[in-house]
N, C-alpha and C. Protein backbone atom coordinates (compact mmCIF):
# COMPACT_ATOMS: atom_id res chain seq x y z
N UNK A 1 -5.96 -10.92 -0.63
CA UNK A 1 -4.59 -11.11 -1.07
C UNK A 1 -3.78 -11.59 0.12
N UNK A 2 -3.01 -12.62 -0.10
CA UNK A 2 -2.18 -13.19 0.96
C UNK A 2 -0.72 -13.06 0.57
N UNK A 3 0.06 -12.40 1.41
CA UNK A 3 1.49 -12.27 1.22
C UNK A 3 2.14 -13.40 2.00
N UNK A 4 2.71 -14.37 1.30
CA UNK A 4 3.16 -15.59 1.94
C UNK A 4 4.67 -15.63 2.14
N UNK A 5 5.06 -16.46 3.11
CA UNK A 5 6.45 -16.79 3.38
C UNK A 5 6.64 -18.26 3.03
N UNK A 6 7.75 -18.83 3.43
CA UNK A 6 7.97 -20.26 3.19
C UNK A 6 7.50 -21.12 4.35
N UNK A 7 6.80 -20.53 5.28
CA UNK A 7 6.21 -21.28 6.39
C UNK A 7 4.79 -21.67 6.02
N UNK A 8 4.26 -22.65 6.68
CA UNK A 8 2.89 -23.07 6.44
C UNK A 8 2.80 -24.12 5.35
N UNK A 9 1.67 -24.81 5.31
CA UNK A 9 1.53 -25.93 4.38
C UNK A 9 1.31 -25.49 2.92
N UNK A 10 1.86 -26.27 2.02
CA UNK A 10 1.65 -26.04 0.59
C UNK A 10 0.17 -26.04 0.25
N UNK A 11 -0.59 -26.92 0.91
CA UNK A 11 -2.02 -27.05 0.60
C UNK A 11 -2.78 -25.74 0.82
N UNK A 12 -2.35 -24.94 1.78
CA UNK A 12 -3.02 -23.66 2.03
C UNK A 12 -2.76 -22.69 0.88
N UNK A 13 -1.54 -22.64 0.40
CA UNK A 13 -1.23 -21.77 -0.73
C UNK A 13 -2.01 -22.22 -1.96
N UNK A 14 -2.08 -23.51 -2.18
CA UNK A 14 -2.84 -24.04 -3.32
C UNK A 14 -4.31 -23.65 -3.19
N UNK A 15 -4.86 -23.78 -1.99
CA UNK A 15 -6.26 -23.42 -1.76
C UNK A 15 -6.50 -21.94 -2.04
N UNK A 16 -5.61 -21.08 -1.53
CA UNK A 16 -5.74 -19.64 -1.78
C UNK A 16 -5.83 -19.36 -3.28
N UNK A 17 -4.90 -19.93 -4.01
CA UNK A 17 -4.85 -19.73 -5.45
C UNK A 17 -6.09 -20.29 -6.14
N UNK A 18 -6.46 -21.51 -5.78
CA UNK A 18 -7.61 -22.17 -6.42
C UNK A 18 -8.92 -21.44 -6.15
N UNK A 19 -9.00 -20.75 -5.02
CA UNK A 19 -10.22 -20.00 -4.68
C UNK A 19 -10.23 -18.59 -5.27
N UNK A 20 -9.19 -18.23 -6.01
CA UNK A 20 -9.18 -16.94 -6.70
C UNK A 20 -8.53 -15.80 -5.95
N UNK A 21 -7.89 -16.09 -4.84
CA UNK A 21 -7.17 -15.06 -4.09
C UNK A 21 -5.84 -14.78 -4.77
N UNK A 22 -5.31 -13.59 -4.59
CA UNK A 22 -3.96 -13.31 -5.06
C UNK A 22 -2.98 -13.88 -4.05
N UNK A 23 -2.08 -14.73 -4.53
CA UNK A 23 -0.99 -15.22 -3.69
C UNK A 23 0.20 -14.35 -4.02
N UNK A 24 0.57 -13.52 -3.06
CA UNK A 24 1.66 -12.56 -3.23
C UNK A 24 2.84 -12.97 -2.36
N UNK A 25 3.96 -12.32 -2.57
CA UNK A 25 5.19 -12.70 -1.89
C UNK A 25 5.54 -11.74 -0.76
N UNK A 26 5.98 -12.31 0.36
CA UNK A 26 6.45 -11.49 1.48
C UNK A 26 7.97 -11.62 1.53
N UNK A 27 8.48 -12.73 1.89
CA UNK A 27 9.86 -13.20 1.76
C UNK A 27 9.82 -14.63 2.28
N UNK A 28 10.83 -15.42 1.97
CA UNK A 28 10.85 -16.80 2.42
C UNK A 28 11.00 -16.87 3.94
N UNK A 29 11.97 -16.12 4.47
CA UNK A 29 12.32 -16.26 5.88
C UNK A 29 11.68 -15.23 6.81
N UNK A 30 11.37 -14.06 6.28
CA UNK A 30 10.91 -12.92 7.10
C UNK A 30 11.93 -12.57 8.17
N UNK A 31 13.18 -12.91 7.92
CA UNK A 31 14.26 -12.61 8.86
C UNK A 31 14.94 -11.33 8.39
N UNK A 32 14.74 -10.26 9.15
CA UNK A 32 15.25 -8.95 8.74
C UNK A 32 16.76 -8.97 8.49
N UNK A 33 17.51 -9.65 9.36
CA UNK A 33 18.97 -9.68 9.21
C UNK A 33 19.36 -10.35 7.90
N UNK A 34 18.58 -11.32 7.46
CA UNK A 34 18.86 -12.00 6.19
C UNK A 34 18.41 -11.16 5.02
N UNK A 35 17.16 -10.74 5.01
CA UNK A 35 16.61 -10.09 3.82
C UNK A 35 17.15 -8.69 3.61
N UNK A 36 17.55 -8.01 4.67
CA UNK A 36 18.02 -6.64 4.52
C UNK A 36 19.54 -6.51 4.63
N UNK A 37 20.26 -7.63 4.48
CA UNK A 37 21.73 -7.59 4.52
C UNK A 37 22.29 -6.95 3.25
N UNK A 38 21.61 -7.18 2.12
CA UNK A 38 22.05 -6.62 0.83
C UNK A 38 20.92 -6.80 -0.18
N UNK A 39 21.04 -6.12 -1.29
CA UNK A 39 20.05 -6.28 -2.36
C UNK A 39 20.06 -7.73 -2.83
N UNK A 40 21.25 -8.29 -2.98
CA UNK A 40 21.36 -9.69 -3.41
C UNK A 40 20.70 -10.64 -2.41
N UNK A 41 20.93 -10.42 -1.12
CA UNK A 41 20.31 -11.26 -0.10
C UNK A 41 18.79 -11.17 -0.16
N UNK A 42 18.28 -9.96 -0.35
CA UNK A 42 16.83 -9.79 -0.44
C UNK A 42 16.27 -10.61 -1.60
N UNK A 43 16.86 -10.47 -2.77
CA UNK A 43 16.34 -11.17 -3.95
C UNK A 43 16.54 -12.68 -3.85
N UNK A 44 17.62 -13.13 -3.21
CA UNK A 44 17.77 -14.58 -2.99
C UNK A 44 16.62 -15.11 -2.15
N UNK A 45 16.28 -14.39 -1.10
CA UNK A 45 15.19 -14.80 -0.21
C UNK A 45 13.84 -14.72 -0.93
N UNK A 46 13.62 -13.61 -1.64
CA UNK A 46 12.37 -13.45 -2.38
C UNK A 46 12.22 -14.53 -3.45
N UNK A 47 13.29 -14.81 -4.17
CA UNK A 47 13.24 -15.82 -5.22
C UNK A 47 12.92 -17.21 -4.67
N UNK A 48 13.33 -17.46 -3.44
CA UNK A 48 13.02 -18.75 -2.82
C UNK A 48 11.52 -18.92 -2.62
N UNK A 49 10.85 -17.91 -2.06
CA UNK A 49 9.40 -18.02 -1.86
C UNK A 49 8.67 -17.94 -3.19
N UNK A 50 9.20 -17.19 -4.13
CA UNK A 50 8.60 -17.12 -5.47
C UNK A 50 8.60 -18.50 -6.13
N UNK A 51 9.72 -19.21 -6.02
CA UNK A 51 9.82 -20.55 -6.59
C UNK A 51 8.83 -21.51 -5.92
N UNK A 52 8.65 -21.35 -4.63
CA UNK A 52 7.70 -22.19 -3.90
C UNK A 52 6.28 -21.96 -4.42
N UNK A 53 5.88 -20.71 -4.55
CA UNK A 53 4.54 -20.39 -5.04
C UNK A 53 4.36 -20.92 -6.46
N UNK A 54 5.38 -20.77 -7.29
CA UNK A 54 5.30 -21.25 -8.68
C UNK A 54 5.15 -22.78 -8.70
N UNK A 55 5.91 -23.47 -7.86
CA UNK A 55 5.84 -24.93 -7.80
C UNK A 55 4.46 -25.40 -7.37
N UNK A 56 3.86 -24.71 -6.42
CA UNK A 56 2.57 -25.13 -5.87
C UNK A 56 1.42 -24.76 -6.80
N UNK A 57 1.48 -23.58 -7.39
CA UNK A 57 0.32 -23.04 -8.12
C UNK A 57 0.51 -22.95 -9.63
N UNK A 58 1.75 -22.93 -10.08
CA UNK A 58 2.02 -22.68 -11.49
C UNK A 58 1.99 -21.20 -11.82
N UNK A 59 1.71 -20.36 -10.83
CA UNK A 59 1.56 -18.91 -10.97
C UNK A 59 2.89 -18.23 -10.69
N UNK A 60 3.26 -17.28 -11.54
CA UNK A 60 4.49 -16.51 -11.38
C UNK A 60 4.17 -15.21 -10.66
N UNK A 61 4.24 -15.23 -9.34
CA UNK A 61 3.83 -14.10 -8.51
C UNK A 61 4.77 -12.91 -8.69
N UNK A 62 4.17 -11.72 -8.82
CA UNK A 62 4.97 -10.50 -8.98
C UNK A 62 4.53 -9.39 -8.01
N UNK A 63 3.61 -9.69 -7.12
CA UNK A 63 3.16 -8.72 -6.12
C UNK A 63 3.86 -9.05 -4.82
N UNK A 64 4.42 -8.02 -4.18
CA UNK A 64 5.20 -8.24 -2.96
C UNK A 64 4.85 -7.21 -1.87
N UNK A 65 5.22 -7.57 -0.65
CA UNK A 65 5.21 -6.64 0.47
C UNK A 65 6.49 -6.85 1.23
N UNK A 66 7.18 -5.76 1.51
CA UNK A 66 8.42 -5.83 2.27
C UNK A 66 8.13 -6.11 3.74
N UNK A 67 8.92 -6.98 4.40
CA UNK A 67 8.78 -7.11 5.85
C UNK A 67 8.98 -5.75 6.52
N UNK A 68 8.01 -5.34 7.29
CA UNK A 68 8.08 -4.04 7.94
C UNK A 68 7.62 -2.89 7.05
N UNK A 69 7.29 -3.18 5.80
CA UNK A 69 6.87 -2.15 4.86
C UNK A 69 8.05 -1.40 4.27
N UNK A 70 7.79 -0.64 3.23
CA UNK A 70 8.87 0.07 2.53
C UNK A 70 9.46 1.20 3.36
N UNK A 71 8.75 1.63 4.39
CA UNK A 71 9.25 2.74 5.22
C UNK A 71 9.98 2.27 6.47
N UNK A 72 10.18 0.97 6.61
CA UNK A 72 10.79 0.48 7.85
C UNK A 72 12.17 1.09 8.04
N UNK A 73 12.52 1.31 9.28
CA UNK A 73 13.85 1.84 9.59
C UNK A 73 14.74 0.78 10.24
N UNK A 74 14.18 -0.35 10.64
CA UNK A 74 14.99 -1.40 11.25
C UNK A 74 15.99 -1.95 10.23
N UNK A 75 15.67 -1.85 8.94
CA UNK A 75 16.58 -2.32 7.89
C UNK A 75 17.91 -1.58 7.92
N UNK A 76 17.89 -0.35 8.41
CA UNK A 76 19.11 0.46 8.51
C UNK A 76 20.17 -0.22 9.38
N UNK A 77 19.69 -1.00 10.34
CA UNK A 77 20.58 -1.74 11.24
C UNK A 77 21.44 -2.73 10.46
N UNK A 78 20.92 -3.22 9.34
CA UNK A 78 21.62 -4.24 8.55
C UNK A 78 22.34 -3.67 7.34
N UNK A 79 21.76 -2.65 6.72
CA UNK A 79 22.42 -2.01 5.56
C UNK A 79 21.79 -0.65 5.34
N UNK A 80 22.60 0.37 5.50
CA UNK A 80 22.12 1.73 5.29
C UNK A 80 21.70 1.91 3.83
N UNK A 81 20.52 2.48 3.61
CA UNK A 81 20.03 2.77 2.28
C UNK A 81 19.39 1.61 1.55
N UNK A 82 19.26 0.46 2.20
CA UNK A 82 18.75 -0.73 1.52
C UNK A 82 17.34 -0.55 0.99
N UNK A 83 16.47 0.13 1.71
CA UNK A 83 15.08 0.27 1.25
C UNK A 83 15.00 1.18 0.03
N UNK A 84 15.84 2.20 -0.02
CA UNK A 84 15.90 3.05 -1.20
C UNK A 84 16.29 2.22 -2.41
N UNK A 85 17.29 1.37 -2.24
CA UNK A 85 17.74 0.50 -3.34
C UNK A 85 16.65 -0.51 -3.71
N UNK A 86 16.06 -1.15 -2.71
CA UNK A 86 15.09 -2.22 -2.99
C UNK A 86 13.81 -1.70 -3.64
N UNK A 87 13.29 -0.56 -3.17
CA UNK A 87 12.05 -0.06 -3.77
C UNK A 87 12.25 0.27 -5.24
N UNK A 88 13.45 0.64 -5.62
CA UNK A 88 13.75 0.88 -7.04
C UNK A 88 13.96 -0.45 -7.77
N UNK A 89 14.77 -1.32 -7.20
CA UNK A 89 15.14 -2.57 -7.88
C UNK A 89 13.94 -3.51 -8.10
N UNK A 90 13.04 -3.59 -7.13
CA UNK A 90 11.90 -4.50 -7.33
C UNK A 90 11.06 -4.06 -8.53
N UNK A 91 10.90 -2.77 -8.69
CA UNK A 91 10.11 -2.28 -9.82
C UNK A 91 10.83 -2.50 -11.15
N UNK A 92 12.13 -2.30 -11.16
CA UNK A 92 12.92 -2.57 -12.37
C UNK A 92 12.78 -4.05 -12.76
N UNK A 93 12.71 -4.93 -11.77
CA UNK A 93 12.61 -6.37 -12.02
C UNK A 93 11.17 -6.82 -12.27
N UNK A 94 10.23 -5.88 -12.33
CA UNK A 94 8.86 -6.23 -12.70
C UNK A 94 7.91 -6.56 -11.56
N UNK A 95 8.30 -6.24 -10.34
CA UNK A 95 7.42 -6.47 -9.20
C UNK A 95 6.61 -5.22 -8.89
N UNK A 96 5.44 -5.43 -8.32
CA UNK A 96 4.62 -4.34 -7.77
C UNK A 96 4.61 -4.52 -6.26
N UNK A 97 5.07 -3.51 -5.53
CA UNK A 97 5.07 -3.65 -4.07
C UNK A 97 3.95 -2.82 -3.46
N UNK A 98 3.47 -3.31 -2.33
CA UNK A 98 2.36 -2.68 -1.64
C UNK A 98 2.70 -2.45 -0.18
N UNK A 99 2.30 -1.30 0.31
CA UNK A 99 2.24 -1.03 1.74
C UNK A 99 0.76 -1.04 2.10
N UNK A 100 0.37 -0.40 3.16
CA UNK A 100 -1.01 -0.40 3.61
C UNK A 100 -1.37 0.97 4.11
N UNK A 101 -2.68 1.25 4.16
CA UNK A 101 -3.10 2.53 4.73
C UNK A 101 -4.07 2.34 5.89
N UNK A 102 -4.29 1.08 6.27
CA UNK A 102 -5.06 0.74 7.47
C UNK A 102 -4.32 -0.39 8.15
N UNK A 103 -4.03 -0.22 9.44
CA UNK A 103 -3.31 -1.23 10.21
C UNK A 103 -4.24 -1.81 11.26
N UNK A 104 -4.47 -3.10 11.20
CA UNK A 104 -5.37 -3.76 12.16
C UNK A 104 -4.82 -3.70 13.58
N UNK A 105 -3.52 -3.52 13.72
CA UNK A 105 -2.92 -3.50 15.05
C UNK A 105 -2.63 -4.89 15.60
N UNK A 106 -2.88 -5.92 14.80
CA UNK A 106 -2.67 -7.28 15.31
C UNK A 106 -1.20 -7.63 15.50
N UNK A 107 -0.30 -6.86 14.91
CA UNK A 107 1.13 -7.12 15.08
C UNK A 107 1.69 -6.50 16.36
N UNK A 108 0.87 -5.75 17.07
CA UNK A 108 1.35 -5.08 18.28
C UNK A 108 1.56 -6.04 19.45
N UNK A 109 1.07 -7.27 19.32
CA UNK A 109 1.23 -8.27 20.35
C UNK A 109 0.52 -9.54 19.95
N UNK A 110 0.65 -10.55 20.77
CA UNK A 110 -0.06 -11.80 20.50
C UNK A 110 -1.48 -11.74 21.04
N UNK A 111 -2.39 -12.26 20.28
CA UNK A 111 -3.80 -12.35 20.67
C UNK A 111 -4.39 -11.01 21.10
N UNK A 112 -4.15 -9.98 20.31
CA UNK A 112 -4.82 -8.70 20.50
C UNK A 112 -6.31 -8.99 20.37
N UNK A 113 -7.13 -8.40 21.19
CA UNK A 113 -8.55 -8.76 21.19
C UNK A 113 -9.20 -8.48 19.83
N UNK A 114 -10.13 -9.37 19.49
CA UNK A 114 -10.85 -9.22 18.21
C UNK A 114 -11.57 -7.88 18.16
N UNK A 115 -12.13 -7.44 19.28
CA UNK A 115 -12.85 -6.16 19.28
C UNK A 115 -11.89 -4.99 19.03
N UNK A 116 -10.67 -5.06 19.56
CA UNK A 116 -9.67 -4.01 19.34
C UNK A 116 -9.26 -3.98 17.87
N UNK A 117 -9.05 -5.15 17.28
CA UNK A 117 -8.67 -5.24 15.87
C UNK A 117 -9.79 -4.66 15.00
N UNK A 118 -11.02 -5.03 15.29
CA UNK A 118 -12.18 -4.53 14.54
C UNK A 118 -12.26 -3.02 14.63
N UNK A 119 -12.16 -2.49 15.84
CA UNK A 119 -12.22 -1.03 16.04
C UNK A 119 -11.10 -0.32 15.29
N UNK A 120 -9.90 -0.87 15.34
CA UNK A 120 -8.77 -0.26 14.62
C UNK A 120 -9.06 -0.13 13.14
N UNK A 121 -9.52 -1.22 12.54
CA UNK A 121 -9.76 -1.22 11.09
C UNK A 121 -10.89 -0.27 10.72
N UNK A 122 -12.02 -0.39 11.41
CA UNK A 122 -13.19 0.42 11.04
C UNK A 122 -12.95 1.90 11.26
N UNK A 123 -12.24 2.25 12.31
CA UNK A 123 -11.95 3.67 12.58
C UNK A 123 -11.01 4.23 11.51
N UNK A 124 -9.95 3.50 11.17
CA UNK A 124 -8.98 4.00 10.18
C UNK A 124 -9.56 4.03 8.77
N UNK A 125 -10.53 3.15 8.49
CA UNK A 125 -11.12 3.07 7.15
C UNK A 125 -12.11 4.20 6.87
N UNK A 126 -12.63 4.78 7.92
CA UNK A 126 -13.67 5.80 7.77
C UNK A 126 -13.21 6.94 6.86
N UNK A 127 -14.06 7.28 5.91
CA UNK A 127 -13.87 8.42 5.01
C UNK A 127 -12.67 8.32 4.07
N UNK A 128 -12.22 7.12 3.77
CA UNK A 128 -11.15 6.95 2.78
C UNK A 128 -11.78 6.46 1.48
N UNK A 129 -11.16 6.79 0.38
CA UNK A 129 -11.64 6.35 -0.93
C UNK A 129 -11.42 4.86 -1.14
N UNK A 130 -10.27 4.37 -0.71
CA UNK A 130 -9.96 2.96 -0.81
C UNK A 130 -8.98 2.62 0.31
N UNK A 131 -8.94 1.34 0.63
CA UNK A 131 -8.06 0.92 1.73
C UNK A 131 -7.33 -0.37 1.37
N UNK A 132 -6.18 -0.53 1.98
CA UNK A 132 -5.43 -1.78 1.97
C UNK A 132 -5.09 -2.04 3.43
N UNK A 133 -5.64 -3.11 3.98
CA UNK A 133 -5.56 -3.39 5.42
C UNK A 133 -4.43 -4.38 5.70
N UNK A 134 -3.60 -4.08 6.69
CA UNK A 134 -2.55 -4.98 7.13
C UNK A 134 -3.09 -5.88 8.23
N UNK A 135 -3.03 -7.20 7.98
CA UNK A 135 -3.42 -8.21 8.97
C UNK A 135 -2.43 -9.36 8.87
N UNK A 136 -2.37 -10.15 9.92
CA UNK A 136 -1.44 -11.28 9.95
C UNK A 136 -2.20 -12.56 10.29
N UNK A 137 -1.64 -13.70 9.86
CA UNK A 137 -2.35 -14.96 10.08
C UNK A 137 -1.47 -16.05 10.69
N UNK A 138 -0.61 -15.68 11.62
CA UNK A 138 0.19 -16.69 12.32
C UNK A 138 -0.63 -17.31 13.44
N UNK A 139 -0.10 -18.34 14.05
CA UNK A 139 -0.80 -19.05 15.12
C UNK A 139 -1.19 -18.11 16.26
N UNK A 140 -0.36 -17.12 16.55
CA UNK A 140 -0.63 -16.20 17.65
C UNK A 140 -1.60 -15.09 17.26
N UNK A 141 -2.15 -15.16 16.06
CA UNK A 141 -3.06 -14.12 15.57
C UNK A 141 -4.46 -14.67 15.34
N UNK A 142 -4.87 -15.65 16.13
CA UNK A 142 -6.20 -16.24 15.99
C UNK A 142 -7.32 -15.24 16.18
N UNK A 143 -7.07 -14.21 16.96
CA UNK A 143 -8.12 -13.21 17.17
C UNK A 143 -8.37 -12.38 15.92
N UNK A 144 -7.37 -12.32 15.03
CA UNK A 144 -7.57 -11.62 13.76
C UNK A 144 -8.65 -12.33 12.95
N UNK A 145 -8.57 -13.63 12.90
CA UNK A 145 -9.58 -14.43 12.19
C UNK A 145 -10.96 -14.22 12.82
N UNK A 146 -11.00 -14.18 14.14
CA UNK A 146 -12.28 -13.96 14.84
C UNK A 146 -12.86 -12.58 14.54
N UNK A 147 -12.00 -11.62 14.29
CA UNK A 147 -12.46 -10.24 14.01
C UNK A 147 -12.99 -10.08 12.59
N UNK A 148 -12.60 -10.95 11.69
CA UNK A 148 -12.94 -10.77 10.27
C UNK A 148 -14.42 -10.61 9.97
N UNK A 149 -15.32 -11.43 10.51
CA UNK A 149 -16.73 -11.22 10.16
C UNK A 149 -17.24 -9.82 10.50
N UNK A 150 -16.88 -9.30 11.66
CA UNK A 150 -17.31 -7.95 12.05
C UNK A 150 -16.63 -6.88 11.19
N UNK A 151 -15.37 -7.12 10.85
CA UNK A 151 -14.66 -6.17 9.98
C UNK A 151 -15.31 -6.13 8.61
N UNK A 152 -15.56 -7.28 8.05
CA UNK A 152 -16.18 -7.35 6.71
C UNK A 152 -17.54 -6.68 6.72
N UNK A 153 -18.35 -6.99 7.70
CA UNK A 153 -19.68 -6.36 7.80
C UNK A 153 -19.56 -4.85 7.97
N UNK A 154 -18.66 -4.42 8.84
CA UNK A 154 -18.48 -2.98 9.09
C UNK A 154 -17.97 -2.23 7.87
N UNK A 155 -17.05 -2.84 7.15
CA UNK A 155 -16.52 -2.19 5.95
C UNK A 155 -17.58 -2.13 4.84
N UNK A 156 -18.38 -3.16 4.73
CA UNK A 156 -19.47 -3.13 3.74
C UNK A 156 -20.46 -2.01 4.07
N UNK A 157 -20.74 -1.82 5.36
CA UNK A 157 -21.63 -0.73 5.78
C UNK A 157 -21.04 0.63 5.45
N UNK A 158 -19.70 0.71 5.43
CA UNK A 158 -19.04 1.96 5.06
C UNK A 158 -18.95 2.12 3.54
N UNK A 159 -19.46 1.14 2.80
CA UNK A 159 -19.49 1.24 1.35
C UNK A 159 -18.34 0.58 0.61
N UNK A 160 -17.52 -0.15 1.32
CA UNK A 160 -16.38 -0.80 0.68
C UNK A 160 -16.80 -2.10 0.01
N UNK A 161 -16.07 -2.45 -1.06
CA UNK A 161 -16.18 -3.77 -1.66
C UNK A 161 -14.79 -4.38 -1.62
N UNK A 162 -14.72 -5.67 -1.78
CA UNK A 162 -13.46 -6.39 -1.61
C UNK A 162 -12.95 -6.89 -2.94
N UNK A 163 -11.66 -6.64 -3.20
CA UNK A 163 -11.02 -7.07 -4.43
C UNK A 163 -9.61 -7.55 -4.12
N UNK A 164 -9.12 -8.41 -4.99
CA UNK A 164 -7.73 -8.85 -4.85
C UNK A 164 -6.81 -7.77 -5.40
N UNK A 165 -5.58 -7.77 -4.93
CA UNK A 165 -4.58 -6.87 -5.49
C UNK A 165 -4.07 -7.46 -6.80
N UNK A 166 -3.85 -6.59 -7.76
CA UNK A 166 -3.23 -6.98 -9.03
C UNK A 166 -2.09 -6.00 -9.29
N UNK A 167 -1.34 -6.27 -10.33
CA UNK A 167 -0.25 -5.37 -10.69
C UNK A 167 -0.78 -3.98 -11.06
N UNK A 168 -2.05 -3.91 -11.47
CA UNK A 168 -2.64 -2.64 -11.88
C UNK A 168 -3.31 -1.89 -10.73
N UNK A 169 -3.47 -2.52 -9.58
CA UNK A 169 -4.08 -1.88 -8.43
C UNK A 169 -3.21 -0.71 -7.97
N UNK A 170 -3.88 0.36 -7.54
CA UNK A 170 -3.13 1.48 -6.99
C UNK A 170 -2.30 0.96 -5.82
N UNK A 171 -1.00 1.22 -5.83
CA UNK A 171 -0.11 0.73 -4.78
C UNK A 171 0.11 1.77 -3.71
N UNK A 172 -0.23 1.43 -2.49
CA UNK A 172 0.06 2.32 -1.37
C UNK A 172 1.55 2.21 -1.09
N UNK A 173 2.25 3.32 -1.21
CA UNK A 173 3.68 3.36 -0.95
C UNK A 173 3.97 4.40 0.11
N UNK A 174 4.67 3.98 1.13
CA UNK A 174 5.12 4.91 2.15
C UNK A 174 6.36 5.66 1.69
N UNK A 175 6.68 6.72 2.38
CA UNK A 175 7.94 7.42 2.15
C UNK A 175 9.06 6.52 2.68
N UNK A 176 10.02 6.27 1.84
CA UNK A 176 11.13 5.41 2.23
C UNK A 176 12.03 6.15 3.21
N UNK A 177 12.33 5.51 4.35
CA UNK A 177 13.11 6.15 5.41
C UNK A 177 14.52 5.58 5.54
N UNK A 178 14.90 4.71 4.67
CA UNK A 178 16.26 4.16 4.70
C UNK A 178 16.66 3.88 3.26
């Protein structure tokens, strides 16, 4: 499952969709000051990336991930209580939002070593019934791509299988902190 923004080529989103991956929504800008200024600002930004995905794929995406996750506290800097409002409003509007229960650690800096990313994922995945892994695919995250073969092999050895997220998938939700 790929949570997309309005950056990157249309052809990549089309390829994701055509290959059977879930193309999900992150936000158009990923700019916290913009998306967390108000409920209206959030939905304006989300609707922009939603329209892009629909134009490219014909698919009406309803799966989302909030920048920083639903438990982020940086949103408080822009509007107190915004995450409490948004986690309710997105569901009322028919969206399914997802957080994660395994963090690759690739967001902690640029070019985190592939071995560190692999170790993070495999260690956190151990003894869980199911996992949703947070990874990023920007230009500065090339080591994440390099880590994938070892992560996939390691997770398969732990008994995991890989599936796309759907609206019916169990949604990992953090405790909302704002």
